[in-house]
Structure formats: structure tokens, C-alpha cells
Amino acid sequence: MKILLVADEESKYLWDYFDEKLFKDVNFIISAGDLNAKYLSFLTTIARKRVLYVFGNHDARYEVEPPFGCDTLDDQIIVQDGVRILGLGGSYQYKKGPYQYTERKMRQRVKKLETMINQFGGVDIIVTHAPPKDHGDGEDLCHTGFEVFNELITKYKPSYFLHGHQHLNYGSKTKRIQHIDKTILINGYNYHFFNYEPNDYVHPTLTGFKKFLNTLKFYNKYHSTLVMKEYRKYKKESRS
């Protein structure tokens, strides 16, 4: 399975000099934030590939003009080609503005997602805008990573953790690809094609009363949302 990851800077290679051959084997596209909405709309329309995105700290404009034909991953799991993808956009708070969070606020967001993640039996890809703390982040407040992202990786061991925000041309310490245990971290600055390979980690499933309680909470919270639609699709695909 081939995925195109984009973030932070629109690529002339993909936009101005578009070549449909580049997208021939691409299954879908993921944006890790801070990109022109028209750019994402162009990719999904001209390349005819589904685009999933999270919000970057400069994406307040999406509230007025969201990327046409694209789907947001923020605070929910979307299943694409059998892959469970979770999104947590935004950066560390460095001034007043949307899509910026303190460590405490980001931790609260993550906590609210536990019921959903447990119901899906884990997650395969986590997409954020900011990187995990001490893994591809910067030294300034704006580009500080989140410690809770490291905890997410440790707990759920996704095959991939995709982010943007820290541009690769900021310094030699910034890397495109890193590893944390079973998880491959990819900085999506500009663009990056990669072949998805699952790490085969199986998250422990809930049993007994804990499973019943989690299911009850899940259906109560998500009964009429996109998350429920994605969950039913995932369960159907898992049985086939």
C-alpha cells in the first residue's frame, strides 16, 4: 500500500508540474497540516485520491474555506483501505490563536479518545501536526513537541506516526524518518511517498465488563457520527 504524506509547504513538483504517473500506485493522501486548502482540493480532484488531513497551527483559514472534497482526521479515527488512522492536529501553544494547545490541553484531547481507540482495537497510523517531544521537535516554544504523543506511541504502538510542523530545512538535527520501538516516525514536510507496512502489533482487547462498558460509552457518544460509520465499515471489512 502506497501513501503520499504532505505538510507545511506546497510542492511545485506535485502542484505546478503535476504528473498523474506519480499518483498511479498511491492509495490515498495524508496531510499533516499547514497547507493551502486549494492545494489539498487540487490533489484529491486531479489525482483522484482521497485526502485525509489534520489542522496545522496556521489553518484557521480552513474554518472559512475548508479543503473541498477532503476529510478531516482530527479527534477521530477514519478507516481507509483497512487501515485505522487517528488524527490530532495543532501545535504547542505559543500565542493566542486556534489549533494551539498546552501539554495539559493536548493530554485532555487524548484522554477523550481512549474509548474510541479501545473500540477499534487500537490504531495503525497516528497523524499529528506537531512531533512528539524530543523526537523531531524544535527548541523554540512554537516547535516544542508533545510528551503525550510519546505515551500514545508507547501504549498503542502504531505502525506509523506521521507529523509535520518542523521543517526539514530548519537544521541538520531534523530528520525525515525516525523509529520509536515498533513505530516509524515520518516528518511529512513538503512531500514524502512511503509504502505502508504494518508492524503486526496487536493491542490487548478489552474483555468482560470493561468491554461492555466501553461499548456502551462508545455507542452513546458516537451513535450518529462519522466515527460510527467508520467503525461499522471496519468491522464489516474485518469479517470479510
C-alpha atoms as a PDB file:
ATOM      1  CA  MET A   1       0.000   0.000   0.000  1.00  0.00           C
ATOM      2  CA  LYS A   2       1.468   3.355  -1.063  1.00  0.00           C
ATOM      3  CA  ILE A   3       0.672   6.590   0.787  1.00  0.00           C
ATOM      4  CA  LEU A   4       1.596  10.172  -0.047  1.00  0.00           C
ATOM      5  CA  LEU A   5       2.290  12.354   3.009  1.00  0.00           C
ATOM      6  CA  VAL A   6       2.325  16.144   2.622  1.00  0.00           C
ATOM      7  CA  ALA A   7       2.807  19.003   5.101  1.00  0.00           C
ATOM      8  CA  ASP A   8       3.832  22.628   5.658  1.00  0.00           C
ATOM      9  CA  GLU A   9       4.904  23.658   2.172  1.00  0.00           C
ATOM     10  CA  GLU A  10       3.130  23.156  -1.149  1.00  0.00           C
ATOM     11  CA  SER A  11       5.302  21.191  -3.539  1.00  0.00           C
ATOM     12  CA  LYS A  12       5.784  22.639  -7.027  1.00  0.00           C
ATOM     13  CA  TYR A  13       6.730  19.122  -8.082  1.00  0.00           C
ATOM     14  CA  LEU A  14       3.213  17.927  -7.238  1.00  0.00           C
ATOM     15  CA  TRP A  15       1.231  21.105  -7.995  1.00  0.00           C
ATOM     16  CA  ASP A  16       2.844  23.234 -10.719  1.00  0.00           C
ATOM     17  CA  TYR A  17       4.399  20.307 -12.565  1.00  0.00           C
ATOM     18  CA  PHE A  18       1.652  17.762 -11.894  1.00  0.00           C
ATOM     19  CA  ASP A  19       2.239  14.347 -13.455  1.00  0.00           C
ATOM     20  CA  GLU A  20      -0.503  11.777 -12.978  1.00  0.00           C
ATOM     21  CA  LYS A  21       2.078   8.994 -13.233  1.00  0.00           C
ATOM     22  CA  LEU A  22       3.358   9.959  -9.770  1.00  0.00           C
ATOM     23  CA  PHE A  23      -0.014   9.012  -8.293  1.00  0.00           C
ATOM     24  CA  LYS A  24      -0.608   5.828 -10.241  1.00  0.00           C
ATOM     25  CA  ASP A  25       0.119   3.477  -7.322  1.00  0.00           C
ATOM     26  CA  VAL A  26      -0.900   5.831  -4.491  1.00  0.00           C
ATOM     27  CA  ASN A  27      -3.799   4.527  -2.416  1.00  0.00           C
ATOM     28  CA  PHE A  28      -4.541   7.771  -0.586  1.00  0.00           C
ATOM     29  CA  ILE A  29      -3.019  11.053   0.619  1.00  0.00           C
ATOM     30  CA  ILE A  30      -2.485  12.356   4.164  1.00  0.00           C
ATOM     31  CA  SER A  31      -1.857  15.989   5.073  1.00  0.00           C
ATOM     32  CA  ALA A  32      -0.149  16.766   8.383  1.00  0.00           C
ATOM     33  CA  GLY A  33      -1.214  20.410   8.290  1.00  0.00           C
ATOM     34  CA  ASP A  34      -0.310  23.981   7.304  1.00  0.00           C
ATOM     35  CA  LEU A  35      -1.147  23.655   3.623  1.00  0.00           C
ATOM     36  CA  ASN A  36      -3.261  25.773   1.299  1.00  0.00           C
ATOM     37  CA  ALA A  37      -6.798  24.385   1.146  1.00  0.00           C
ATOM     38  CA  LYS A  38      -6.767  24.791  -2.630  1.00  0.00           C
ATOM     39  CA  TYR A  39      -3.661  22.618  -2.797  1.00  0.00           C
ATOM     40  CA  LEU A  40      -5.377  19.747  -0.984  1.00  0.00           C
ATOM     41  CA  SER A  41      -8.502  20.183  -3.109  1.00  0.00           C
ATOM     42  CA  PHE A  42      -6.313  20.066  -6.206  1.00  0.00           C
ATOM     43  CA  LEU A  43      -4.675  16.827  -5.089  1.00  0.00           C
ATOM     44  CA  THR A  44      -7.921  14.997  -4.374  1.00  0.00           C
ATOM     45  CA  THR A  45      -9.612  16.294  -7.552  1.00  0.00           C
ATOM     46  CA  ILE A  46      -6.837  15.964 -10.115  1.00  0.00           C
ATOM     47  CA  ALA A  47      -5.052  12.945  -8.653  1.00  0.00           C
ATOM     48  CA  ARG A  48      -8.444  11.349  -7.877  1.00  0.00           C
ATOM     49  CA  LYS A  49      -7.223  10.150  -4.480  1.00  0.00           C
ATOM     50  CA  ARG A  50      -8.853  10.556  -1.078  1.00  0.00           C
ATOM     51  CA  VAL A  51      -7.179  13.223   1.056  1.00  0.00           C
ATOM     52  CA  LEU A  52      -7.275  12.999   4.859  1.00  0.00           C
ATOM     53  CA  TYR A  53      -5.944  15.905   6.904  1.00  0.00           C
ATOM     54  CA  VAL A  54      -5.303  17.351  10.355  1.00  0.00           C
ATOM     55  CA  PHE A  55      -5.187  21.040  11.228  1.00  0.00           C
ATOM     56  CA  GLY A  56      -1.874  22.847  11.478  1.00  0.00           C
ATOM     57  CA  ASN A  57      -1.368  25.924  13.637  1.00  0.00           C
ATOM     58  CA  HIS A  58      -1.779  28.124  10.537  1.00  0.00           C
ATOM     59  CA  ASP A  59      -5.000  26.507   9.317  1.00  0.00           C
ATOM     60  CA  ALA A  60      -7.582  28.879  10.824  1.00  0.00           C
ATOM     61  CA  ARG A  61      -8.433  29.725   7.194  1.00  0.00           C
ATOM     62  CA  TYR A  62      -9.964  26.244   6.870  1.00  0.00           C
ATOM     63  CA  GLU A  63     -12.846  27.480   9.016  1.00  0.00           C
ATOM     64  CA  VAL A  64     -13.824  29.830   6.173  1.00  0.00           C
ATOM     65  CA  GLU A  65     -12.621  27.763   3.225  1.00  0.00           C
ATOM     66  CA  PRO A  66     -12.037  24.093   4.091  1.00  0.00           C
ATOM     67  CA  PRO A  67     -10.275  21.812   1.579  1.00  0.00           C
ATOM     68  CA  PHE A  68     -13.007  20.837  -0.876  1.00  0.00           C
ATOM     69  CA  GLY A  69     -13.592  17.095  -1.148  1.00  0.00           C
ATOM     70  CA  CYS A  70     -11.199  16.239   1.701  1.00  0.00           C
ATOM     71  CA  ASP A  71     -11.895  14.682   5.112  1.00  0.00           C
ATOM     72  CA  THR A  72     -10.543  15.783   8.471  1.00  0.00           C
ATOM     73  CA  LEU A  73      -8.963  13.253  10.811  1.00  0.00           C
ATOM     74  CA  ASP A  74      -8.908  15.497  13.850  1.00  0.00           C
ATOM     75  CA  ASP A  75     -10.085  13.761  17.031  1.00  0.00           C
ATOM     76  CA  GLN A  76     -11.463  10.757  15.189  1.00  0.00           C
ATOM     77  CA  ILE A  77     -10.499   7.504  13.511  1.00  0.00           C
ATOM     78  CA  ILE A  78     -11.082   7.075   9.792  1.00  0.00           C
ATOM     79  CA  VAL A  79     -10.561   3.675   8.181  1.00  0.00           C
ATOM     80  CA  GLN A  80      -9.014   3.737   4.723  1.00  0.00           C
ATOM     81  CA  ASP A  81      -8.155   0.523   2.896  1.00  0.00           C
ATOM     82  CA  GLY A  82      -8.486  -1.344   6.184  1.00  0.00           C
ATOM     83  CA  VAL A  83      -6.046   0.976   7.980  1.00  0.00           C
ATOM     84  CA  ARG A  84      -7.189   2.701  11.186  1.00  0.00           C
ATOM     85  CA  ILE A  85      -5.985   6.318  11.080  1.00  0.00           C
ATOM     86  CA  LEU A  86      -6.256   8.724  14.030  1.00  0.00           C
ATOM     87  CA  GLY A  87      -5.686  12.478  13.827  1.00  0.00           C
ATOM     88  CA  LEU A  88      -4.565  15.057  16.417  1.00  0.00           C
ATOM     89  CA  GLY A  89      -3.782  18.366  14.764  1.00  0.00           C
ATOM     90  CA  GLY A  90      -2.390  21.571  16.202  1.00  0.00           C
ATOM     91  CA  SER A  91       0.866  22.773  17.723  1.00  0.00           C
ATOM     92  CA  TYR A  92       2.207  23.723  21.123  1.00  0.00           C
ATOM     93  CA  GLN A  93       0.637  26.985  22.297  1.00  0.00           C
ATOM     94  CA  TYR A  94       2.978  29.918  21.705  1.00  0.00           C
ATOM     95  CA  LYS A  95       0.480  32.807  21.268  1.00  0.00           C
ATOM     96  CA  LYS A  96      -3.262  33.398  21.107  1.00  0.00           C
ATOM     97  CA  GLY A  97      -4.933  31.598  18.235  1.00  0.00           C
ATOM     98  CA  PRO A  98      -6.721  28.416  17.160  1.00  0.00           C
ATOM     99  CA  TYR A  99      -5.187  24.949  16.918  1.00  0.00           C
ATOM    100  CA  GLN A 100      -2.643  25.593  19.659  1.00  0.00           C
ATOM    101  CA  TYR A 101      -2.524  23.582  22.879  1.00  0.00           C
ATOM    102  CA  THR A 102      -0.654  23.370  26.131  1.00  0.00           C
ATOM    103  CA  GLU A 103       0.611  19.939  27.113  1.00  0.00           C
ATOM    104  CA  ARG A 104      -2.331  19.707  29.534  1.00  0.00           C
ATOM    105  CA  LYS A 105      -4.915  20.542  26.862  1.00  0.00           C
ATOM    106  CA  MET A 106      -3.444  18.059  24.388  1.00  0.00           C
ATOM    107  CA  ARG A 107      -3.432  15.414  27.098  1.00  0.00           C
ATOM    108  CA  GLN A 108      -7.135  16.096  27.689  1.00  0.00           C
ATOM    109  CA  ARG A 109      -7.828  15.607  23.972  1.00  0.00           C
ATOM    110  CA  VAL A 110      -6.007  12.285  24.009  1.00  0.00           C
ATOM    111  CA  LYS A 111      -7.889  11.138  27.102  1.00  0.00           C
ATOM    112  CA  LYS A 112     -11.228  11.734  25.374  1.00  0.00           C
ATOM    113  CA  LEU A 113     -10.182   9.398  22.545  1.00  0.00           C
ATOM    114  CA  GLU A 114      -9.476   6.322  24.689  1.00  0.00           C
ATOM    115  CA  THR A 115     -12.999   4.874  24.375  1.00  0.00           C
ATOM    116  CA  MET A 116     -12.891   5.188  20.598  1.00  0.00           C
ATOM    117  CA  ILE A 117      -9.406   3.690  20.252  1.00  0.00           C
ATOM    118  CA  ASN A 118     -10.321   0.764  22.505  1.00  0.00           C
ATOM    119  CA  GLN A 119     -13.472   0.096  20.488  1.00  0.00           C
ATOM    120  CA  PHE A 120     -11.458  -0.054  17.276  1.00  0.00           C
ATOM    121  CA  GLY A 121      -8.957  -2.352  18.966  1.00  0.00           C
ATOM    122  CA  GLY A 122      -6.057   0.042  18.533  1.00  0.00           C
ATOM    123  CA  VAL A 123      -4.797   2.259  15.738  1.00  0.00           C
ATOM    124  CA  ASP A 124      -2.453   1.708  12.782  1.00  0.00           C
ATOM    125  CA  ILE A 125      -1.444   5.280  11.903  1.00  0.00           C
ATOM    126  CA  ILE A 126      -1.446   8.395  14.080  1.00  0.00           C
ATOM    127  CA  VAL A 127      -1.314  11.730  12.250  1.00  0.00           C
ATOM    128  CA  THR A 128      -0.407  14.927  14.073  1.00  0.00           C
ATOM    129  CA  HIS A 129       0.892  18.334  13.105  1.00  0.00           C
ATOM    130  CA  ALA A 130       3.437  18.693  15.898  1.00  0.00           C
ATOM    131  CA  PRO A 131       6.000  15.951  16.566  1.00  0.00           C
ATOM    132  CA  PRO A 132       6.463  14.011  19.806  1.00  0.00           C
ATOM    133  CA  LYS A 133       8.639  15.646  22.450  1.00  0.00           C
ATOM    134  CA  ASP A 134      12.377  15.075  21.782  1.00  0.00           C
ATOM    135  CA  HIS A 135      11.701  13.263  18.512  1.00  0.00           C
ATOM    136  CA  GLY A 136      11.983  15.755  15.690  1.00  0.00           C
ATOM    137  CA  ASP A 137      10.750  18.847  17.522  1.00  0.00           C
ATOM    138  CA  GLY A 138      12.485  22.215  17.880  1.00  0.00           C
ATOM    139  CA  GLU A 139      13.991  24.203  20.725  1.00  0.00           C
ATOM    140  CA  ASP A 140      11.614  27.174  20.495  1.00  0.00           C
ATOM    141  CA  LEU A 141       8.176  27.172  22.142  1.00  0.00           C
ATOM    142  CA  CYS A 142       6.281  27.091  18.848  1.00  0.00           C
ATOM    143  CA  HIS A 143       8.014  23.918  17.680  1.00  0.00           C
ATOM    144  CA  THR A 144       8.055  22.104  21.020  1.00  0.00           C
ATOM    145  CA  GLY A 145       6.684  18.565  20.747  1.00  0.00           C
ATOM    146  CA  PHE A 146       4.113  16.916  23.000  1.00  0.00           C
ATOM    147  CA  GLU A 147       5.144  14.371  25.631  1.00  0.00           C
ATOM    148  CA  VAL A 148       1.699  12.773  25.478  1.00  0.00           C
ATOM    149  CA  PHE A 149       2.452  11.741  21.885  1.00  0.00           C
ATOM    150  CA  ASN A 150       5.318   9.603  23.186  1.00  0.00           C
ATOM    151  CA  GLU A 151       2.876   7.988  25.604  1.00  0.00           C
ATOM    152  CA  LEU A 152       0.447   7.311  22.740  1.00  0.00           C
ATOM    153  CA  ILE A 153       3.200   5.580  20.808  1.00  0.00           C
ATOM    154  CA  THR A 154       4.255   3.516  23.822  1.00  0.00           C
ATOM    155  CA  LYS A 155       0.697   2.468  24.623  1.00  0.00           C
ATOM    156  CA  TYR A 156      -0.751   1.745  21.185  1.00  0.00           C
ATOM    157  CA  LYS A 157       2.393   1.074  19.117  1.00  0.00           C
ATOM    158  CA  PRO A 158       1.008   2.286  15.780  1.00  0.00           C
ATOM    159  CA  SER A 159       2.872   1.173  12.689  1.00  0.00           C
ATOM    160  CA  TYR A 160       3.422   4.826  11.746  1.00  0.00           C
ATOM    161  CA  PHE A 161       3.371   8.220  13.430  1.00  0.00           C
ATOM    162  CA  LEU A 162       3.146  10.999  10.825  1.00  0.00           C
ATOM    163  CA  HIS A 163       3.692  14.698  11.535  1.00  0.00           C
ATOM    164  CA  GLY A 164       4.812  17.997  10.053  1.00  0.00           C
ATOM    165  CA  HIS A 165       5.484  21.422  11.622  1.00  0.00           C
ATOM    166  CA  GLN A 166       9.267  21.097  11.999  1.00  0.00           C
ATOM    167  CA  HIS A 167      10.558  21.892   8.520  1.00  0.00           C
ATOM    168  CA  LEU A 168      13.414  19.722   7.315  1.00  0.00           C
ATOM    169  CA  ASN A 169      15.379  22.830   6.291  1.00  0.00           C
ATOM    170  CA  TYR A 170      15.361  24.193   9.869  1.00  0.00           C
ATOM    171  CA  GLY A 171      18.570  22.372  10.732  1.00  0.00           C
ATOM    172  CA  SER A 172      20.673  19.251  10.381  1.00  0.00           C
ATOM    173  CA  LYS A 173      19.138  17.691  13.525  1.00  0.00           C
ATOM    174  CA  THR A 174      15.737  17.452  11.868  1.00  0.00           C
ATOM    175  CA  LYS A 175      15.245  14.046  10.264  1.00  0.00           C
ATOM    176  CA  ARG A 176      12.730  12.685   7.784  1.00  0.00           C
ATOM    177  CA  ILE A 177      12.463   9.238   9.385  1.00  0.00           C
ATOM    178  CA  GLN A 178      12.991   8.054  12.965  1.00  0.00           C
ATOM    179  CA  HIS A 179      11.979   5.000  14.987  1.00  0.00           C
ATOM    180  CA  ILE A 180      10.446   4.519  18.428  1.00  0.00           C
ATOM    181  CA  ASP A 181      10.167   0.846  19.302  1.00  0.00           C
ATOM    182  CA  LYS A 182       7.785  -0.687  16.707  1.00  0.00           C
ATOM    183  CA  THR A 183       6.688   2.701  15.326  1.00  0.00           C
ATOM    184  CA  ILE A 184       8.163   4.515  12.324  1.00  0.00           C
ATOM    185  CA  LEU A 185       8.040   8.323  12.642  1.00  0.00           C
ATOM    186  CA  ILE A 186       7.894  10.298   9.383  1.00  0.00           C
ATOM    187  CA  ASN A 187       8.192  14.062   9.026  1.00  0.00           C
ATOM    188  CA  GLY A 188       5.942  14.939   6.073  1.00  0.00           C
ATOM    189  CA  TYR A 189       7.480  18.347   5.276  1.00  0.00           C
ATOM    190  CA  ASN A 190       6.820  19.205   1.609  1.00  0.00           C
ATOM    191  CA  TYR A 191       6.018  15.645   0.449  1.00  0.00           C
ATOM    192  CA  HIS A 192       7.042  12.050   1.017  1.00  0.00           C
ATOM    193  CA  PHE A 193       5.881   8.811  -0.589  1.00  0.00           C
ATOM    194  CA  PHE A 194       6.094   5.661   1.514  1.00  0.00           C
ATOM    195  CA  ASN A 195       4.927   2.072   1.374  1.00  0.00           C
ATOM    196  CA  TYR A 196       2.768   1.167   4.341  1.00  0.00           C
ATOM    197  CA  GLU A 197       3.897  -1.976   6.132  1.00  0.00           C
ATOM    198  CA  PRO A 198       2.045  -2.999   9.325  1.00  0.00           C
ATOM    199  CA  ASN A 199       4.175  -3.820  12.333  1.00  0.00           C
ATOM    200  CA  ASP A 200       1.723  -6.600  13.299  1.00  0.00           C
ATOM    201  CA  TYR A 201       1.346  -5.319  16.863  1.00  0.00           C
ATOM    202  CA  VAL A 202      -1.993  -6.404  18.347  1.00  0.00           C
ATOM    203  CA  HIS A 203      -3.332  -4.139  21.078  1.00  0.00           C
ATOM    204  CA  PRO A 204      -4.794  -6.093  24.029  1.00  0.00           C
ATOM    205  CA  THR A 205      -8.574  -6.255  23.704  1.00  0.00           C
ATOM    206  CA  LEU A 206     -10.969  -5.459  26.497  1.00  0.00           C
ATOM    207  CA  THR A 207     -12.958  -8.344  27.966  1.00  0.00           C
ATOM    208  CA  GLY A 208     -15.907  -8.863  30.257  1.00  0.00           C
ATOM    209  CA  PHE A 209     -17.466  -5.866  31.980  1.00  0.00           C
ATOM    210  CA  LYS A 210     -14.746  -3.463  30.746  1.00  0.00           C
ATOM    211  CA  LYS A 211     -15.598  -4.373  27.152  1.00  0.00           C
ATOM    212  CA  PHE A 212     -19.330  -3.968  27.805  1.00  0.00           C
ATOM    213  CA  LEU A 213     -18.822  -0.577  29.480  1.00  0.00           C
ATOM    214  CA  ASN A 214     -16.527   0.670  26.719  1.00  0.00           C
ATOM    215  CA  THR A 215     -19.022  -0.386  24.031  1.00  0.00           C
ATOM    216  CA  LEU A 216     -21.838   1.361  25.885  1.00  0.00           C
ATOM    217  CA  LYS A 217     -19.830   4.591  26.148  1.00  0.00           C
ATOM    218  CA  PHE A 218     -18.773   4.363  22.503  1.00  0.00           C
ATOM    219  CA  TYR A 219     -22.293   3.911  21.104  1.00  0.00           C
ATOM    220  CA  ASN A 220     -23.658   6.632  23.373  1.00  0.00           C
ATOM    221  CA  LYS A 221     -21.015   9.148  22.276  1.00  0.00           C
ATOM    222  CA  TYR A 222     -20.639   8.336  18.585  1.00  0.00           C
ATOM    223  CA  HIS A 223     -24.013   6.827  17.565  1.00  0.00           C
ATOM    224  CA  SER A 224     -24.761   9.405  14.832  1.00  0.00           C
ATOM    225  CA  THR A 225     -21.270  10.444  13.791  1.00  0.00           C
ATOM    226  CA  LEU A 226     -18.736   9.650  11.072  1.00  0.00           C
ATOM    227  CA  VAL A 227     -16.797   7.636  13.653  1.00  0.00           C
ATOM    228  CA  MET A 228     -19.672   5.171  13.978  1.00  0.00           C
ATOM    229  CA  LYS A 229     -19.882   4.834  10.197  1.00  0.00           C
ATOM    230  CA  GLU A 230     -16.147   4.153  10.036  1.00  0.00           C
ATOM    231  CA  TYR A 231     -16.350   1.645  12.887  1.00  0.00           C
ATOM    232  CA  ARG A 232     -19.118  -0.354  11.224  1.00  0.00           C
ATOM    233  CA  LYS A 233     -17.182  -0.315   7.964  1.00  0.00           C
ATOM    234  CA  TYR A 234     -14.070  -1.543   9.756  1.00  0.00           C
ATOM    235  CA  LYS A 235     -15.926  -4.378  11.497  1.00  0.00           C
ATOM    236  CA  LYS A 236     -17.528  -5.440   8.212  1.00  0.00           C
ATOM    237  CA  GLU A 237     -14.161  -5.464   6.434  1.00  0.00           C
ATOM    238  CA  SER A 238     -12.584  -7.400   9.309  1.00  0.00           C
ATOM    239  CA  ARG A 239     -15.183 -10.163   8.992  1.00  0.00           C
ATOM    240  CA  SER A 240     -14.834 -10.491   5.218  1.00  0.00           C
END
